[in-house]
Amino acid sequence: MTTNPCKITFNPKKHPEIYLNQNDNLSEHLTVKNSPVLFGCRTGICGTCLVSIKGDIPPPNEEEKEILEIFAPGNHQARLACQIQLTNDIEISLIET
């Protein structure tokens, strides 16, 4: 079964959009050259890759929810880019902490 690639766009649009397959790990494909997102631990505990997401993706797991409550309390669009399961097109914006 073939799946359509997911389009990832960035706001502001200083970086080109990229296309990844569903369920690809963002942190393995985003670099300084193609994304404004910085990554630290890549395991979901440091908060370095905190972003705001527009688009339909699965909700965060319990561990990610705990970190989001520390770094972005009450922000329901906040996610850790290293933990996102790609299922659809998304737009990524940085969150200033």
PDB file of N, CA and C in Angstrom:
ATOM      1  N   MET A   1       0.842  -1.181   0.000  1.00  0.00           N
ATOM      2  CA  MET A   1       0.000   0.000   0.000  1.00  0.00           C
ATOM      3  C   MET A   1       0.886   1.242   0.000  1.00  0.00           C
ATOM      4  N   THR A   2       0.658   2.162  -0.921  1.00  0.00           N
ATOM      5  CA  THR A   2       1.438   3.379  -1.028  1.00  0.00           C
ATOM      6  C   THR A   2       0.759   4.489  -0.246  1.00  0.00           C
ATOM      7  N   THR A   3       1.563   5.270   0.491  1.00  0.00           N
ATOM      8  CA  THR A   3       1.026   6.407   1.221  1.00  0.00           C
ATOM      9  C   THR A   3       1.541   7.695   0.597  1.00  0.00           C
ATOM     10  N   ASN A   4       0.757   8.744   0.724  1.00  0.00           N
ATOM     11  CA  ASN A   4       1.174  10.041   0.224  1.00  0.00           C
ATOM     12  C   ASN A   4       2.184  10.643   1.179  1.00  0.00           C
ATOM     13  N   PRO A   5       3.180  11.347   0.652  1.00  0.00           N
ATOM     14  CA  PRO A   5       4.140  11.998   1.549  1.00  0.00           C
ATOM     15  C   PRO A   5       3.468  13.138   2.313  1.00  0.00           C
ATOM     16  N   CYS A   6       4.031  13.455   3.468  1.00  0.00           N
ATOM     17  CA  CYS A   6       3.543  14.560   4.288  1.00  0.00           C
ATOM     18  C   CYS A   6       4.363  15.798   3.963  1.00  0.00           C
ATOM     19  N   LYS A   7       3.687  16.919   3.788  1.00  0.00           N
ATOM     20  CA  LYS A   7       4.367  18.184   3.504  1.00  0.00           C
ATOM     21  C   LYS A   7       4.608  18.904   4.823  1.00  0.00           C
ATOM     22  N   ILE A   8       5.858  19.308   5.070  1.00  0.00           N
ATOM     23  CA  ILE A   8       6.215  20.051   6.265  1.00  0.00           C
ATOM     24  C   ILE A   8       6.612  21.452   5.814  1.00  0.00           C
ATOM     25  N   THR A   9       5.883  22.443   6.306  1.00  0.00           N
ATOM     26  CA  THR A   9       6.202  23.833   6.003  1.00  0.00           C
ATOM     27  C   THR A   9       6.622  24.528   7.290  1.00  0.00           C
ATOM     28  N   PHE A  10       7.340  25.635   7.130  1.00  0.00           N
ATOM     29  CA  PHE A  10       7.867  26.371   8.269  1.00  0.00           C
ATOM     30  C   PHE A  10       7.349  27.793   8.257  1.00  0.00           C
ATOM     31  N   ASN A  11       7.058  28.305   9.428  1.00  0.00           N
ATOM     32  CA  ASN A  11       6.594  29.673   9.581  1.00  0.00           C
ATOM     33  C   ASN A  11       7.506  30.362  10.586  1.00  0.00           C
ATOM     34  N   PRO A  12       8.206  31.403  10.223  1.00  0.00           N
ATOM     35  CA  PRO A  12       8.155  32.072   8.927  1.00  0.00           C
ATOM     36  C   PRO A  12       8.782  31.208   7.844  1.00  0.00           C
ATOM     37  N   LYS A  13       8.476  31.541   6.620  1.00  0.00           N
ATOM     38  CA  LYS A  13       8.842  30.703   5.481  1.00  0.00           C
ATOM     39  C   LYS A  13      10.263  30.986   4.988  1.00  0.00           C
ATOM     40  N   LYS A  14      11.226  30.993   5.919  1.00  0.00           N
ATOM     41  CA  LYS A  14      12.628  31.210   5.558  1.00  0.00           C
ATOM     42  C   LYS A  14      13.290  29.930   5.067  1.00  0.00           C
ATOM     43  N   HIS A  15      12.667  28.799   5.336  1.00  0.00           N
ATOM     44  CA  HIS A  15      13.195  27.507   4.919  1.00  0.00           C
ATOM     45  C   HIS A  15      12.218  26.862   3.943  1.00  0.00           C
ATOM     46  N   PRO A  16      12.732  26.118   2.968  1.00  0.00           N
ATOM     47  CA  PRO A  16      11.837  25.494   1.994  1.00  0.00           C
ATOM     48  C   PRO A  16      11.005  24.375   2.634  1.00  0.00           C
ATOM     49  N   GLU A  17       9.833  24.149   2.093  1.00  0.00           N
ATOM     50  CA  GLU A  17       9.023  23.021   2.566  1.00  0.00           C
ATOM     51  C   GLU A  17       9.744  21.728   2.199  1.00  0.00           C
ATOM     52  N   ILE A  18       9.479  20.708   2.994  1.00  0.00           N
ATOM     53  CA  ILE A  18      10.055  19.399   2.704  1.00  0.00           C
ATOM     54  C   ILE A  18       8.935  18.371   2.724  1.00  0.00           C
ATOM     55  N   TYR A  19       9.196  17.235   2.130  1.00  0.00           N
ATOM     56  CA  TYR A  19       8.225  16.146   2.084  1.00  0.00           C
ATOM     57  C   TYR A  19       8.859  14.910   2.706  1.00  0.00           C
ATOM     58  N   LEU A  20       8.151  14.301   3.636  1.00  0.00           N
ATOM     59  CA  LEU A  20       8.604  13.080   4.281  1.00  0.00           C
ATOM     60  C   LEU A  20       7.492  12.047   4.229  1.00  0.00           C
ATOM     61  N   ASN A  21       7.867  10.809   4.331  1.00  0.00           N
ATOM     62  CA  ASN A  21       6.876   9.745   4.369  1.00  0.00           C
ATOM     63  C   ASN A  21       6.167   9.724   5.712  1.00  0.00           C
ATOM     64  N   GLN A  22       4.944   9.228   5.708  1.00  0.00           N
ATOM     65  CA  GLN A  22       4.223   9.073   6.962  1.00  0.00           C
ATOM     66  C   GLN A  22       5.057   8.228   7.915  1.00  0.00           C
ATOM     67  N   ASN A  23       5.019   8.610   9.190  1.00  0.00           N
ATOM     68  CA  ASN A  23       5.730   7.941  10.280  1.00  0.00           C
ATOM     69  C   ASN A  23       7.241   8.133  10.256  1.00  0.00           C
ATOM     70  N   ASP A  24       7.776   8.945   9.320  1.00  0.00           N
ATOM     71  CA  ASP A  24       9.193   9.292   9.388  1.00  0.00           C
ATOM     72  C   ASP A  24       9.445  10.105  10.644  1.00  0.00           C
ATOM     73  N   ASN A  25      10.654  10.017  11.166  1.00  0.00           N
ATOM     74  CA  ASN A  25      11.045  10.770  12.343  1.00  0.00           C
ATOM     75  C   ASN A  25      11.602  12.119  11.893  1.00  0.00           C
ATOM     76  N   LEU A  26      10.954  13.207  12.295  1.00  0.00           N
ATOM     77  CA  LEU A  26      11.395  14.544  11.881  1.00  0.00           C
ATOM     78  C   LEU A  26      12.848  14.803  12.237  1.00  0.00           C
ATOM     79  N   SER A  27      13.266  14.420  13.436  1.00  0.00           N
ATOM     80  CA  SER A  27      14.617  14.749  13.885  1.00  0.00           C
ATOM     81  C   SER A  27      15.696  14.091  13.035  1.00  0.00           C
ATOM     82  N   GLU A  28      15.367  13.042  12.318  1.00  0.00           N
ATOM     83  CA  GLU A  28      16.332  12.393  11.441  1.00  0.00           C
ATOM     84  C   GLU A  28      16.450  13.094  10.093  1.00  0.00           C
ATOM     85  N   HIS A  29      15.506  13.983   9.774  1.00  0.00           N
ATOM     86  CA  HIS A  29      15.474  14.612   8.457  1.00  0.00           C
ATOM     87  C   HIS A  29      15.632  16.129   8.493  1.00  0.00           C
ATOM     88  N   LEU A  30      15.423  16.751   9.645  1.00  0.00           N
ATOM     89  CA  LEU A  30      15.556  18.202   9.735  1.00  0.00           C
ATOM     90  C   LEU A  30      16.974  18.563  10.140  1.00  0.00           C
ATOM     91  N   THR A  31      17.558  19.505   9.412  1.00  0.00           N
ATOM     92  CA  THR A  31      18.917  19.952   9.679  1.00  0.00           C
ATOM     93  C   THR A  31      18.932  21.472   9.772  1.00  0.00           C
ATOM     94  N   VAL A  32      20.059  22.024  10.139  1.00  0.00           N
ATOM     95  CA  VAL A  32      20.204  23.475  10.207  1.00  0.00           C
ATOM     96  C   VAL A  32      19.937  24.101   8.841  1.00  0.00           C
ATOM     97  N   LYS A  33      20.247  23.392   7.778  1.00  0.00           N
ATOM     98  CA  LYS A  33      20.075  23.934   6.429  1.00  0.00           C
ATOM     99  C   LYS A  33      18.623  23.925   5.968  1.00  0.00           C
ATOM    100  N   ASN A  34      17.828  22.942   6.389  1.00  0.00           N
ATOM    101  CA  ASN A  34      16.468  22.862   5.854  1.00  0.00           C
ATOM    102  C   ASN A  34      15.386  23.143   6.889  1.00  0.00           C
ATOM    103  N   SER A  35      15.783  23.610   8.086  1.00  0.00           N
ATOM    104  CA  SER A  35      14.790  23.806   9.136  1.00  0.00           C
ATOM    105  C   SER A  35      15.295  24.774  10.207  1.00  0.00           C
ATOM    106  N   PRO A  36      14.404  25.559  10.797  1.00  0.00           N
ATOM    107  CA  PRO A  36      14.801  26.410  11.914  1.00  0.00           C
ATOM    108  C   PRO A  36      14.822  25.668  13.250  1.00  0.00           C
ATOM    109  N   VAL A  37      14.386  24.423  13.265  1.00  0.00           N
ATOM    110  CA  VAL A  37      14.277  23.663  14.510  1.00  0.00           C
ATOM    111  C   VAL A  37      15.650  23.140  14.929  1.00  0.00           C
ATOM    112  N   LEU A  38      16.011  23.407  16.182  1.00  0.00           N
ATOM    113  CA  LEU A  38      17.238  22.854  16.749  1.00  0.00           C
ATOM    114  C   LEU A  38      16.879  21.630  17.576  1.00  0.00           C
ATOM    115  N   PHE A  39      17.780  20.672  17.613  1.00  0.00           N
ATOM    116  CA  PHE A  39      17.553  19.457  18.391  1.00  0.00           C
ATOM    117  C   PHE A  39      18.681  19.295  19.394  1.00  0.00           C
ATOM    118  N   GLY A  40      18.329  18.817  20.578  1.00  0.00           N
ATOM    119  CA  GLY A  40      19.319  18.535  21.601  1.00  0.00           C
ATOM    120  C   GLY A  40      19.417  17.041  21.814  1.00  0.00           C
ATOM    121  N   CYS A  41      18.694  16.552  22.811  1.00  0.00           N
ATOM    122  CA  CYS A  41      18.788  15.143  23.204  1.00  0.00           C
ATOM    123  C   CYS A  41      18.131  14.192  22.212  1.00  0.00           C
ATOM    124  N   ARG A  42      17.125  14.659  21.485  1.00  0.00           N
ATOM    125  CA  ARG A  42      16.344  13.848  20.525  1.00  0.00           C
ATOM    126  C   ARG A  42      15.544  12.720  21.186  1.00  0.00           C
ATOM    127  N   THR A  43      15.404  12.790  22.507  1.00  0.00           N
ATOM    128  CA  THR A  43      14.629  11.770  23.218  1.00  0.00           C
ATOM    129  C   THR A  43      13.406  12.337  23.906  1.00  0.00           C
ATOM    130  N   GLY A  44      13.180  13.650  23.782  1.00  0.00           N
ATOM    131  CA  GLY A  44      11.976  14.238  24.339  1.00  0.00           C
ATOM    132  C   GLY A  44      12.090  14.710  25.772  1.00  0.00           C
ATOM    133  N   ILE A  45      13.304  14.972  26.265  1.00  0.00           N
ATOM    134  CA  ILE A  45      13.409  15.435  27.655  1.00  0.00           C
ATOM    135  C   ILE A  45      14.030  16.824  27.805  1.00  0.00           C
ATOM    136  N   CYS A  46      14.717  17.336  26.784  1.00  0.00           N
ATOM    137  CA  CYS A  46      15.424  18.613  26.967  1.00  0.00           C
ATOM    138  C   CYS A  46      14.598  19.829  26.574  1.00  0.00           C
ATOM    139  N   GLY A  47      13.605  19.673  25.706  1.00  0.00           N
ATOM    140  CA  GLY A  47      12.772  20.791  25.283  1.00  0.00           C
ATOM    141  C   GLY A  47      13.389  21.670  24.216  1.00  0.00           C
ATOM    142  N   THR A  48      14.564  21.340  23.711  1.00  0.00           N
ATOM    143  CA  THR A  48      15.235  22.153  22.696  1.00  0.00           C
ATOM    144  C   THR A  48      14.399  22.291  21.427  1.00  0.00           C
ATOM    145  N   CYS A  49      13.704  21.246  21.045  1.00  0.00           N
ATOM    146  CA  CYS A  49      12.961  21.238  19.776  1.00  0.00           C
ATOM    147  C   CYS A  49      11.483  21.611  19.962  1.00  0.00           C
ATOM    148  N   LEU A  50      11.191  22.422  20.971  1.00  0.00           N
ATOM    149  CA  LEU A  50       9.817  22.861  21.224  1.00  0.00           C
ATOM    150  C   LEU A  50       9.319  23.700  20.055  1.00  0.00           C
ATOM    151  N   VAL A  51       8.192  23.309  19.491  1.00  0.00           N
ATOM    152  CA  VAL A  51       7.604  24.006  18.350  1.00  0.00           C
ATOM    153  C   VAL A  51       6.089  24.072  18.512  1.00  0.00           C
ATOM    154  N   SER A  52       5.482  24.908  17.691  1.00  0.00           N
ATOM    155  CA  SER A  52       4.030  24.958  17.583  1.00  0.00           C
ATOM    156  C   SER A  52       3.657  24.280  16.275  1.00  0.00           C
ATOM    157  N   ILE A  53       2.680  23.406  16.335  1.00  0.00           N
ATOM    158  CA  ILE A  53       2.277  22.622  15.170  1.00  0.00           C
ATOM    159  C   ILE A  53       0.853  22.962  14.762  1.00  0.00           C
ATOM    160  N   LYS A  54       0.670  23.192  13.475  1.00  0.00           N
ATOM    161  CA  LYS A  54      -0.666  23.281  12.893  1.00  0.00           C
ATOM    162  C   LYS A  54      -0.800  22.089  11.967  1.00  0.00           C
ATOM    163  N   GLY A  55      -1.819  21.299  12.184  1.00  0.00           N
ATOM    164  CA  GLY A  55      -2.032  20.118  11.373  1.00  0.00           C
ATOM    165  C   GLY A  55      -2.527  18.989  12.241  1.00  0.00           C
ATOM    166  N   ASP A  56      -3.017  17.959  11.601  1.00  0.00           N
ATOM    167  CA  ASP A  56      -3.617  16.836  12.307  1.00  0.00           C
ATOM    168  C   ASP A  56      -2.591  15.720  12.481  1.00  0.00           C
ATOM    169  N   ILE A  57      -2.109  15.571  13.711  1.00  0.00           N
ATOM    170  CA  ILE A  57      -1.177  14.498  14.053  1.00  0.00           C
ATOM    171  C   ILE A  57      -1.631  13.872  15.365  1.00  0.00           C
ATOM    172  N   PRO A  58      -1.148  12.669  15.667  1.00  0.00           N
ATOM    173  CA  PRO A  58      -1.541  12.034  16.928  1.00  0.00           C
ATOM    174  C   PRO A  58      -1.135  12.876  18.134  1.00  0.00           C
ATOM    175  N   PRO A  59      -1.886  12.794  19.218  1.00  0.00           N
ATOM    176  CA  PRO A  59      -1.569  13.577  20.417  1.00  0.00           C
ATOM    177  C   PRO A  59      -0.264  13.103  21.065  1.00  0.00           C
ATOM    178  N   PRO A  60       0.313  13.943  21.914  1.00  0.00           N
ATOM    179  CA  PRO A  60       1.548  13.549  22.588  1.00  0.00           C
ATOM    180  C   PRO A  60       1.309  12.410  23.575  1.00  0.00           C
ATOM    181  N   ASN A  61       2.354  11.601  23.782  1.00  0.00           N
ATOM    182  CA  ASN A  61       2.256  10.552  24.796  1.00  0.00           C
ATOM    183  C   ASN A  61       2.427  11.185  26.185  1.00  0.00           C
ATOM    184  N   GLU A  62       2.284  10.406  27.218  1.00  0.00           N
ATOM    185  CA  GLU A  62       2.317  10.936  28.592  1.00  0.00           C
ATOM    186  C   GLU A  62       3.652  11.588  28.930  1.00  0.00           C
ATOM    187  N   GLU A  63       4.762  11.014  28.498  1.00  0.00           N
ATOM    188  CA  GLU A  63       6.078  11.583  28.786  1.00  0.00           C
ATOM    189  C   GLU A  63       6.237  12.947  28.116  1.00  0.00           C
ATOM    190  N   GLU A  64       5.801  13.044  26.855  1.00  0.00           N
ATOM    191  CA  GLU A  64       5.890  14.325  26.154  1.00  0.00           C
ATOM    192  C   GLU A  64       4.987  15.355  26.816  1.00  0.00           C
ATOM    193  N   LYS A  65       3.790  14.950  27.244  1.00  0.00           N
ATOM    194  CA  LYS A  65       2.875  15.871  27.927  1.00  0.00           C
ATOM    195  C   LYS A  65       3.531  16.487  29.156  1.00  0.00           C
ATOM    196  N   GLU A  66       4.274  15.687  29.913  1.00  0.00           N
ATOM    197  CA  GLU A  66       4.945  16.197  31.110  1.00  0.00           C
ATOM    198  C   GLU A  66       5.962  17.278  30.755  1.00  0.00           C
ATOM    199  N   ILE A  67       6.742  17.058  29.705  1.00  0.00           N
ATOM    200  CA  ILE A  67       7.735  18.044  29.281  1.00  0.00           C
ATOM    201  C   ILE A  67       7.052  19.289  28.733  1.00  0.00           C
ATOM    202  N   LEU A  68       5.964  19.113  27.977  1.00  0.00           N
ATOM    203  CA  LEU A  68       5.237  20.262  27.429  1.00  0.00           C
ATOM    204  C   LEU A  68       4.645  21.127  28.540  1.00  0.00           C
ATOM    205  N   GLU A  69       4.202  20.524  29.631  1.00  0.00           N
ATOM    206  CA  GLU A  69       3.670  21.291  30.761  1.00  0.00           C
ATOM    207  C   GLU A  69       4.747  22.146  31.416  1.00  0.00           C
ATOM    208  N   ILE A  70       5.996  21.709  31.325  1.00  0.00           N
ATOM    209  CA  ILE A  70       7.110  22.486  31.877  1.00  0.00           C
ATOM    210  C   ILE A  70       7.462  23.652  30.960  1.00  0.00           C
ATOM    211  N   PHE A  71       7.610  23.383  29.661  1.00  0.00           N
ATOM    212  CA  PHE A  71       8.106  24.375  28.715  1.00  0.00           C
ATOM    213  C   PHE A  71       7.034  25.219  28.035  1.00  0.00           C
ATOM    214  N   ALA A  72       5.804  24.719  27.936  1.00  0.00           N
ATOM    215  CA  ALA A  72       4.732  25.455  27.240  1.00  0.00           C
ATOM    216  C   ALA A  72       3.388  25.166  27.895  1.00  0.00           C
ATOM    217  N   PRO A  73       3.256  25.483  29.178  1.00  0.00           N
ATOM    218  CA  PRO A  73       2.002  25.163  29.868  1.00  0.00           C
ATOM    219  C   PRO A  73       0.797  25.834  29.201  1.00  0.00           C
ATOM    220  N   GLY A  74      -0.245  25.050  28.962  1.00  0.00           N
ATOM    221  CA  GLY A  74      -1.481  25.574  28.392  1.00  0.00           C
ATOM    222  C   GLY A  74      -1.468  25.774  26.890  1.00  0.00           C
ATOM    223  N   ASN A  75      -0.350  25.568  26.229  1.00  0.00           N
ATOM    224  CA  ASN A  75      -0.270  25.746  24.778  1.00  0.00           C
ATOM    225  C   ASN A  75      -0.570  24.398  24.122  1.00  0.00           C
ATOM    226  N   HIS A  76      -1.772  24.250  23.581  1.00  0.00           N
ATOM    227  CA  HIS A  76      -2.211  22.967  23.026  1.00  0.00           C
ATOM    228  C   HIS A  76      -1.651  22.673  21.636  1.00  0.00           C
ATOM    229  N   GLN A  77      -0.977  23.652  21.033  1.00  0.00           N
ATOM    230  CA  GLN A  77      -0.322  23.405  19.745  1.00  0.00           C
ATOM    231  C   GLN A  77       1.158  23.080  19.936  1.00  0.00           C
ATOM    232  N   ALA A  78       1.658  23.204  21.158  1.00  0.00           N
ATOM    233  CA  ALA A  78       3.072  22.936  21.423  1.00  0.00           C
ATOM    234  C   ALA A  78       3.364  21.450  21.323  1.00  0.00           C
ATOM    235  N   ARG A  79       4.498  21.142  20.714  1.00  0.00           N
ATOM    236  CA  ARG A  79       4.963  19.759  20.591  1.00  0.00           C
ATOM    237  C   ARG A  79       6.480  19.760  20.602  1.00  0.00           C
ATOM    238  N   LEU A  80       7.039  18.612  20.880  1.00  0.00           N
ATOM    239  CA  LEU A  80       8.473  18.402  20.735  1.00  0.00           C
ATOM    240  C   LEU A  80       8.678  17.774  19.363  1.00  0.00           C
ATOM    241  N   ALA A  81       9.409  18.467  18.497  1.00  0.00           N
ATOM    242  CA  ALA A  81       9.563  18.005  17.115  1.00  0.00           C
ATOM    243  C   ALA A  81      10.160  16.604  17.042  1.00  0.00           C
ATOM    244  N   CYS A  82      10.996  16.253  18.004  1.00  0.00           N
ATOM    245  CA  CYS A  82      11.618  14.921  17.964  1.00  0.00           C
ATOM    246  C   CYS A  82      10.635  13.803  18.287  1.00  0.00           C
ATOM    247  N   GLN A  83       9.472  14.139  18.810  1.00  0.00           N
ATOM    248  CA  GLN A  83       8.492  13.127  19.213  1.00  0.00           C
ATOM    249  C   GLN A  83       7.293  13.029  18.278  1.00  0.00           C
ATOM    250  N   ILE A  84       7.232  13.870  17.267  1.00  0.00           N
ATOM    251  CA  ILE A  84       6.064  13.920  16.389  1.00  0.00           C
ATOM    252  C   ILE A  84       5.999  12.692  15.485  1.00  0.00           C
ATOM    253  N   GLN A  85       4.829  12.080  15.454  1.00  0.00           N
ATOM    254  CA  GLN A  85       4.566  10.999  14.512  1.00  0.00           C
ATOM    255  C   GLN A  85       3.869  11.624  13.308  1.00  0.00           C
ATOM    256  N   LEU A  86       4.546  11.651  12.192  1.00  0.00           N
ATOM    257  CA  LEU A  86       3.990  12.261  10.987  1.00  0.00           C
ATOM    258  C   LEU A  86       2.880  11.403  10.403  1.00  0.00           C
ATOM    259  N   THR A  87       1.716  11.992  10.279  1.00  0.00           N
ATOM    260  CA  THR A  87       0.605  11.296   9.646  1.00  0.00           C
ATOM    261  C   THR A  87      -0.066  12.152   8.582  1.00  0.00           C
ATOM    262  N   ASN A  88       0.163  13.464   8.638  1.00  0.00           N
ATOM    263  CA  ASN A  88      -0.455  14.406   7.707  1.00  0.00           C
ATOM    264  C   ASN A  88       0.464  15.597   7.506  1.00  0.00           C
ATOM    265  N   ASP A  89       0.064  16.497   6.607  1.00  0.00           N
ATOM    266  CA  ASP A  89       0.804  17.736   6.403  1.00  0.00           C
ATOM    267  C   ASP A  89       0.777  18.557   7.688  1.00  0.00           C
ATOM    268  N   ILE A  90       1.900  19.239   7.977  1.00  0.00           N
ATOM    269  CA  ILE A  90       1.963  20.096   9.154  1.00  0.00           C
ATOM    270  C   ILE A  90       2.704  21.392   8.831  1.00  0.00           C
ATOM    271  N   GLU A  91       2.439  22.402   9.642  1.00  0.00           N
ATOM    272  CA  GLU A  91       3.206  23.646   9.610  1.00  0.00           C
ATOM    273  C   GLU A  91       3.878  23.789  10.958  1.00  0.00           C
ATOM    274  N   ILE A  92       5.166  24.086  10.946  1.00  0.00           N
ATOM    275  CA  ILE A  92       5.952  24.200  12.160  1.00  0.00           C
ATOM    276  C   ILE A  92       6.343  25.651  12.381  1.00  0.00           C
ATOM    277  N   SER A  93       6.100  26.147  13.597  1.00  0.00           N
ATOM    278  CA  SER A  93       6.546  27.472  14.020  1.00  0.00           C
ATOM    279  C   SER A  93       7.351  27.311  15.297  1.00  0.00           C
ATOM    280  N   LEU A  94       8.385  28.124  15.446  1.00  0.00           N
ATOM    281  CA  LEU A  94       9.166  28.087  16.674  1.00  0.00           C
ATOM    282  C   LEU A  94       8.386  28.739  17.812  1.00  0.00           C
ATOM    283  N   ILE A  95       8.627  28.276  19.016  1.00  0.00           N
ATOM    284  CA  ILE A  95       8.058  28.886  20.204  1.00  0.00           C
ATOM    285  C   ILE A  95       9.205  29.485  20.991  1.00  0.00           C
ATOM    286  N   GLU A  96       9.095  30.756  21.297  1.00  0.00           N
ATOM    287  CA  GLU A  96      10.120  31.424  22.102  1.00  0.00           C
ATOM    288  C   GLU A  96       9.907  31.058  23.556  1.00  0.00           C
ATOM    289  N   THR A  97      10.946  30.543  24.205  1.00  0.00           N
ATOM    290  CA  THR A  97      10.828  30.195  25.628  1.00  0.00           C
ATOM    291  C   THR A  97      11.598  31.146  26.488  1.00  0.00           C
TER     292      THR A  97
END
